[in-house]
Protein backbone atom coordinates (compact mmCIF):
# COMPACT_ATOMS: atom_id res chain seq x y z
CA MET A 1 -49.38 -44.23 150.10
CA ARG A 2 -52.64 -45.05 151.67
CA ASN A 3 -54.14 -46.78 148.51
CA LEU A 4 -51.72 -49.30 146.89
CA ALA A 5 -54.23 -51.37 145.63
CA SER A 6 -54.24 -49.57 142.05
CA LYS A 7 -50.35 -50.36 141.93
CA ILE A 8 -50.98 -54.07 142.64
CA ILE A 9 -53.66 -53.95 139.66
CA PHE A 10 -50.69 -52.43 137.42
CA LEU A 11 -48.86 -55.50 138.18
CA LEU A 12 -51.10 -57.77 137.17
CA LEU A 13 -52.01 -56.45 133.98
CA THR A 14 -51.26 -57.77 130.74
CA VAL A 15 -51.09 -54.90 127.91
CA ILE A 16 -52.74 -55.52 125.09
CA LEU A 17 -51.43 -52.97 121.98
CA VAL A 18 -52.94 -51.76 119.69
CA THR A 19 -50.70 -50.78 116.66
CA ASN A 20 -52.48 -47.83 115.27
CA ALA A 21 -54.85 -45.59 117.22
CA GLY A 22 -57.35 -45.23 114.99
CA ALA A 23 -59.67 -42.76 113.86
CA GLN A 24 -59.81 -39.41 115.90
CA PHE A 25 -62.44 -37.94 117.77
CA GLY A 26 -63.47 -34.61 118.92
CA GLY A 27 -62.10 -33.71 122.08
CA GLY A 28 -63.49 -31.87 125.38
CA GLY A 29 -65.41 -28.81 124.83
CA ARG A 30 -64.84 -26.17 127.45
CA ARG A 31 -61.50 -25.17 128.75
CA GLY A 32 -60.08 -23.38 131.48
CA PRO A 33 -60.51 -23.69 135.11
CA SER A 34 -64.30 -22.48 135.14
CA THR A 35 -64.44 -26.43 134.30
CA ILE A 36 -62.85 -27.69 137.65
CA ASP A 37 -65.02 -27.44 140.02
CA GLY A 38 -68.29 -29.44 138.13
CA PRO A 39 -68.56 -31.88 135.46
CA ILE A 40 -66.10 -31.86 132.79
CA ASP A 41 -67.83 -31.61 128.94
CA ARG A 42 -66.21 -34.50 127.50
CA GLY A 43 -67.28 -33.53 123.73
CA SER A 44 -67.36 -36.39 121.96
CA VAL A 45 -64.51 -38.31 123.77
CA PRO A 46 -65.69 -41.66 124.06
CA GLU A 47 -67.02 -43.35 127.13
CA TRP A 48 -66.88 -46.74 128.60
CA SER A 49 -68.25 -48.96 130.87
CA VAL A 50 -66.72 -49.68 134.41
CA ASP A 51 -67.01 -53.85 135.95
CA GLN A 52 -69.36 -52.48 138.72
CA ARG A 53 -67.50 -54.86 140.70
CA PHE A 54 -64.66 -52.96 141.13
CA PRO A 55 -66.16 -49.64 141.22
CA THR A 56 -63.08 -47.87 142.19
CA ASP A 57 -59.89 -50.11 141.14
CA LEU A 58 -58.87 -47.50 138.46
CA PHE A 59 -56.05 -45.68 137.53
CA THR A 60 -57.16 -42.16 137.88
CA PHE A 61 -55.37 -39.34 135.75
CA ALA A 62 -54.48 -37.12 138.65
CA ARG A 63 -53.45 -32.97 137.72
CA LEU A 64 -51.24 -31.16 140.41
CA LYS A 65 -52.65 -27.58 140.91
CA TYR A 66 -49.77 -25.45 142.33
CA ARG A 67 -49.24 -21.79 142.57
CA SER A 68 -47.22 -19.55 140.02
CA THR A 69 -45.30 -16.34 140.07
CA GLY A 70 -44.38 -13.55 138.27
CA ARG A 71 -46.59 -12.91 135.04
CA GLU A 72 -48.41 -16.44 135.64
CA ARG A 73 -49.22 -15.54 139.25
CA SER A 74 -53.25 -15.01 137.66
CA SER A 75 -52.80 -16.98 134.42
CA TYR A 76 -53.38 -20.59 136.24
CA ALA A 77 -50.54 -22.44 134.71
CA TRP A 78 -51.00 -25.39 136.52
CA TRP A 79 -54.60 -25.98 133.89
CA THR A 80 -51.81 -26.06 130.70
CA ASP A 81 -53.70 -28.14 127.91
CA TYR A 82 -56.88 -28.84 130.40
CA PRO A 83 -59.46 -30.68 130.45
CA ASN A 84 -58.68 -32.15 126.55
CA ALA A 85 -55.06 -33.35 127.45
CA ASP A 86 -56.20 -35.28 130.03
CA LEU A 87 -59.62 -36.89 128.68
CA ASN A 88 -58.20 -38.22 125.59
CA PHE A 89 -55.20 -39.67 127.30
CA CYS A 90 -57.36 -41.49 129.43
CA PHE A 91 -59.48 -42.61 126.50
CA ARG A 92 -56.17 -43.75 124.76
CA LEU A 93 -54.95 -45.57 127.64
CA GLN A 94 -57.48 -48.13 128.22
CA GLN A 95 -58.28 -48.20 124.83
CA MET A 96 -54.86 -49.16 123.82
CA THR A 97 -54.15 -51.01 127.11
CA SER A 98 -55.62 -53.41 129.43
CA ILE A 99 -55.63 -50.99 132.06
CA LYS A 100 -58.92 -50.05 133.77
CA VAL A 101 -59.36 -46.19 133.54
CA ASN A 102 -61.26 -43.68 135.54
CA MET A 103 -63.30 -42.02 132.70
CA GLN A 104 -62.95 -38.58 135.34
CA PRO A 105 -59.69 -37.02 135.25
CA ARG A 106 -59.18 -35.13 138.83
CA ILE A 107 -57.36 -31.82 140.10
CA LEU A 108 -55.71 -32.05 143.16
CA GLU A 109 -54.42 -29.17 145.17
CA ILE A 110 -51.01 -30.32 147.24
CA ASN A 111 -51.98 -30.04 150.41
CA ASN A 112 -55.49 -31.85 149.58
CA PRO A 113 -55.29 -35.11 151.98
CA GLN A 114 -56.22 -37.39 148.76
CA LEU A 115 -53.04 -36.83 147.22
CA PHE A 116 -52.08 -39.83 148.64
CA ASP A 117 -54.94 -41.57 147.55
CA PHE A 118 -53.07 -41.10 143.44
CA PRO A 119 -49.85 -43.30 143.02
CA TRP A 120 -49.62 -40.96 139.70
CA ILE A 121 -49.92 -37.32 139.14
CA PHE A 122 -49.13 -35.16 136.46
CA MET A 123 -47.62 -31.25 135.96
CA SER A 124 -47.83 -29.36 133.43
CA GLY A 125 -46.74 -25.72 132.52
CA ALA A 126 -44.21 -25.00 135.85
CA GLY A 127 -41.65 -22.86 135.11
CA ASN A 128 -43.21 -20.09 137.00
CA ILE A 129 -44.34 -22.30 140.07
CA ILE A 130 -43.92 -21.66 143.57
CA LEU A 131 -43.74 -23.95 146.54
CA SER A 132 -44.21 -23.31 150.28
CA ASP A 133 -42.79 -25.26 152.87
CA GLU A 134 -45.73 -26.84 153.91
CA GLU A 135 -46.28 -28.09 150.61
CA ALA A 136 -42.94 -29.12 150.07
CA LEU A 137 -42.92 -31.39 152.86
CA VAL A 138 -46.35 -32.71 151.63
CA LEU A 139 -44.54 -33.36 148.50
CA ARG A 140 -41.67 -35.18 149.93
CA LYS A 141 -43.59 -37.25 151.98
CA TYR A 142 -45.82 -38.46 149.33
CA PHE A 143 -43.12 -39.16 147.08
CA LYS A 144 -41.58 -41.18 149.95
CA SER A 145 -44.52 -43.31 150.24
CA GLY A 146 -44.59 -44.58 146.58
CA GLY A 147 -45.83 -41.62 144.67
CA PHE A 148 -44.82 -40.79 140.83
CA MET A 149 -44.92 -37.08 139.14
CA MET A 150 -44.92 -36.60 135.53
CA VAL A 151 -43.61 -33.13 134.99
CA ASP A 152 -44.56 -31.55 131.34
CA ASP A 153 -44.17 -28.38 129.17
CA PHE A 154 -41.67 -26.28 130.41
CA TRP A 155 -39.50 -24.77 128.01
CA GLY A 156 -35.73 -22.87 128.38
CA GLN A 157 -33.41 -22.46 130.80
CA ALA A 158 -35.05 -20.09 132.86
CA GLU A 159 -38.17 -22.10 133.14
CA TRP A 160 -35.42 -25.28 133.95
CA ASN A 161 -34.61 -23.02 136.70
CA GLY A 162 -37.75 -22.78 138.40
CA VAL A 163 -39.19 -26.22 138.02
CA ALA A 164 -35.21 -27.23 139.75
CA ARG A 165 -36.06 -24.56 142.52
CA ALA A 166 -38.89 -25.79 143.51
CA LEU A 167 -37.88 -29.76 143.52
CA LYS A 168 -34.53 -28.57 145.37
CA LYS A 169 -37.51 -27.83 148.54
CA VAL A 170 -38.56 -31.24 147.96
CA PHE A 171 -35.43 -33.13 147.22
CA PRO A 172 -32.47 -31.19 148.90
CA ASP A 173 -30.11 -33.89 148.57
CA ARG A 174 -30.98 -34.82 145.49
CA ASP A 175 -30.75 -33.93 141.51
CA PRO A 176 -32.25 -35.08 138.47
CA VAL A 177 -30.18 -37.33 136.08
CA ASP A 178 -30.46 -37.71 132.33
CA LEU A 179 -32.18 -40.64 130.91
CA ARG A 180 -30.71 -42.17 128.12
CA ARG A 181 -32.35 -43.66 125.09
CA ASN A 182 -31.95 -47.05 126.15
CA HIS A 183 -34.29 -46.78 129.60
CA ALA A 184 -36.77 -49.14 129.95
CA ILE A 185 -39.02 -46.12 129.99
CA PHE A 186 -38.67 -45.65 126.28
CA LYS A 187 -39.08 -49.58 125.45
CA TYR A 188 -42.11 -51.13 127.14
CA PRO A 189 -44.78 -51.39 126.52
CA PHE A 190 -44.28 -49.51 123.82
CA ASN A 191 -40.26 -49.67 121.90
CA ILE A 192 -39.72 -46.40 120.72
CA PRO A 193 -36.90 -45.99 118.36
CA ASP A 194 -33.59 -44.30 119.46
CA ASP A 195 -33.41 -42.01 116.30
CA ARG A 196 -36.75 -40.65 117.13
CA PRO A 197 -36.70 -37.24 118.33
CA LEU A 198 -39.00 -37.03 121.14
CA GLN A 199 -39.52 -33.14 121.03
CA THR A 200 -43.11 -31.92 120.79
CA PRO A 201 -43.91 -28.15 120.15
CA ASN A 202 -47.47 -26.56 120.64
CA ILE A 203 -49.75 -27.54 117.59
CA PHE A 204 -49.07 -23.80 116.23
CA SER A 205 -45.41 -23.74 115.98
CA ALA A 206 -45.58 -27.39 114.87
CA ILE A 207 -48.08 -26.33 111.67
CA ARG A 208 -45.63 -23.02 111.01
CA ASN A 209 -42.72 -25.05 110.70
CA LYS A 210 -44.38 -27.97 109.12
CA ASN A 211 -41.45 -29.89 106.86
CA THR A 212 -38.79 -27.73 108.19
CA GLY A 213 -37.18 -29.96 111.00
CA VAL A 214 -37.98 -27.64 113.25
CA THR A 215 -39.81 -28.83 116.59
CA TRP A 216 -38.53 -26.43 119.50
CA GLU A 217 -40.51 -23.46 120.69
CA ASP A 218 -38.43 -20.30 120.91
CA ASP A 219 -40.38 -17.78 122.27
CA HIS A 220 -39.50 -19.07 125.81
CA ALA A 221 -37.66 -16.61 128.15
CA GLY A 222 -34.05 -17.98 128.90
CA GLY A 223 -33.71 -19.61 125.37
CA ASN A 224 -31.98 -23.21 124.73
CA THR A 225 -35.30 -24.99 123.66
CA ARG A 226 -33.66 -26.39 120.61
CA GLN A 227 -32.70 -29.62 122.62
CA VAL A 228 -35.36 -32.11 124.87
CA HIS A 229 -33.73 -33.35 127.72
CA TYR A 230 -35.74 -36.48 129.63
CA ARG A 231 -34.99 -36.14 132.75
CA ALA A 232 -35.59 -38.24 136.08
CA ILE A 233 -35.19 -37.94 140.06
CA PHE A 234 -34.69 -41.49 141.95
CA ASP A 235 -34.85 -42.46 145.61
CA ASP A 236 -32.35 -44.55 147.22
CA LYS A 237 -33.21 -47.80 146.04
CA GLY A 238 -33.30 -46.46 142.11
CA ARG A 239 -37.13 -46.35 142.40
CA MET A 240 -38.11 -42.99 139.83
CA MET A 241 -40.01 -40.81 141.86
CA VAL A 242 -40.11 -37.76 139.30
CA MET A 243 -39.90 -37.83 135.36
CA LEU A 244 -39.13 -34.40 133.98
CA CYS A 245 -40.30 -33.49 130.44
CA HIS A 246 -37.95 -30.57 129.59
CA ASN A 247 -38.74 -28.34 126.15
CA THR A 248 -41.10 -30.92 124.40
CA ASP A 249 -45.10 -30.76 125.15
CA ASN A 250 -46.29 -33.83 125.44
CA GLY A 251 -49.66 -32.42 127.13
CA ASP A 252 -50.40 -30.33 123.33
CA GLY A 253 -50.45 -33.95 121.44
CA TRP A 254 -52.95 -35.39 123.62
CA GLU A 255 -55.27 -32.10 123.58
CA GLU A 256 -54.75 -31.79 120.01
CA GLU A 257 -55.05 -34.87 118.33
CA THR A 258 -58.25 -33.81 116.42
CA SER A 259 -56.80 -30.33 115.23
CA ASP A 260 -55.09 -31.66 112.51
CA PRO A 261 -54.49 -35.11 110.49
CA TRP A 262 -50.67 -34.46 110.02
CA PHE A 263 -50.20 -33.18 113.66
CA PHE A 264 -51.94 -36.25 114.94
CA LYS A 265 -49.98 -38.74 112.83
CA GLU A 266 -46.34 -36.80 113.53
CA PHE A 267 -46.90 -36.47 116.65
CA SER A 268 -49.86 -37.38 119.08
CA GLU A 269 -49.87 -41.11 117.43
CA ASN A 270 -46.30 -41.30 116.96
CA LYS A 271 -44.90 -39.92 119.85
CA ASN A 272 -46.99 -38.61 122.72
CA PHE A 273 -49.47 -41.44 123.45
CA PRO A 274 -46.91 -44.60 123.23
CA LEU A 275 -44.32 -42.44 125.37
CA GLY A 276 -47.12 -41.30 128.22
CA ILE A 277 -48.65 -44.58 128.72
CA ASN A 278 -45.08 -46.12 128.45
CA ILE A 279 -44.08 -43.58 131.28
CA ILE A 280 -47.16 -44.50 133.02
CA PHE A 281 -46.91 -48.30 133.14
CA TYR A 282 -43.07 -47.70 133.63
CA SER A 283 -44.06 -45.77 137.24
CA MET A 284 -46.86 -48.25 138.30
CA THR A 285 -44.47 -51.31 137.93
CA HIS A 286 -40.98 -50.46 139.21
């Protein structure tokens, strides 16, 4: 990792928790790949000041752009929940902790040399991802250099197989392992109770099944979406390199926090923002 300054800063930070995320705000306006080449429309997502003495010593939300196969070949699956998820999460991260956060999230292709400047990357909707041998080699080097990736919003056995197949090209000799709910990633800085279900469906499924106890999505090829899985890939020293959030959609909890007050309280505030912040804090301090 060429730039470890951001990671070192995390080691020095004291997290300042806000027990209630407070009033919601309007998310970013535009959605989709047409927004990636220019300034992002922030909608009414608040801005914040940056210490001009350290203008680049900031955490940046970096989203990985990848290629898909099959029906998603031209659907830009990599930008699932973009840009609202990225913008809203960045705001909540700087609001609820003492972490200094870049207001502008980034999108990075795997072969972009700047990838190694970002110690944390996010990948969403990757059930039909395809990786070339060259891309797999780049990612292997990235992870061995200290990088971390959160993979979110892929559902069912077929999509699990797609992600696992891609990761096997990156880590031929490693397999994901299940994380128990007493793992530190679920405990700090937010102590998420062991009995709190950590599955989030997309907002349409959530509202359709409101107060029924159904938090899964059944419209995915391969089925088997009822049980949420949090799994990880570790290096030889026990450092987590990849966290896999399977059968859940944390990104929708970030993206849709303004869409429905019940959804915000039930998922965004209660599950998705605390877990996302925990994942970042753990990955940057371990």
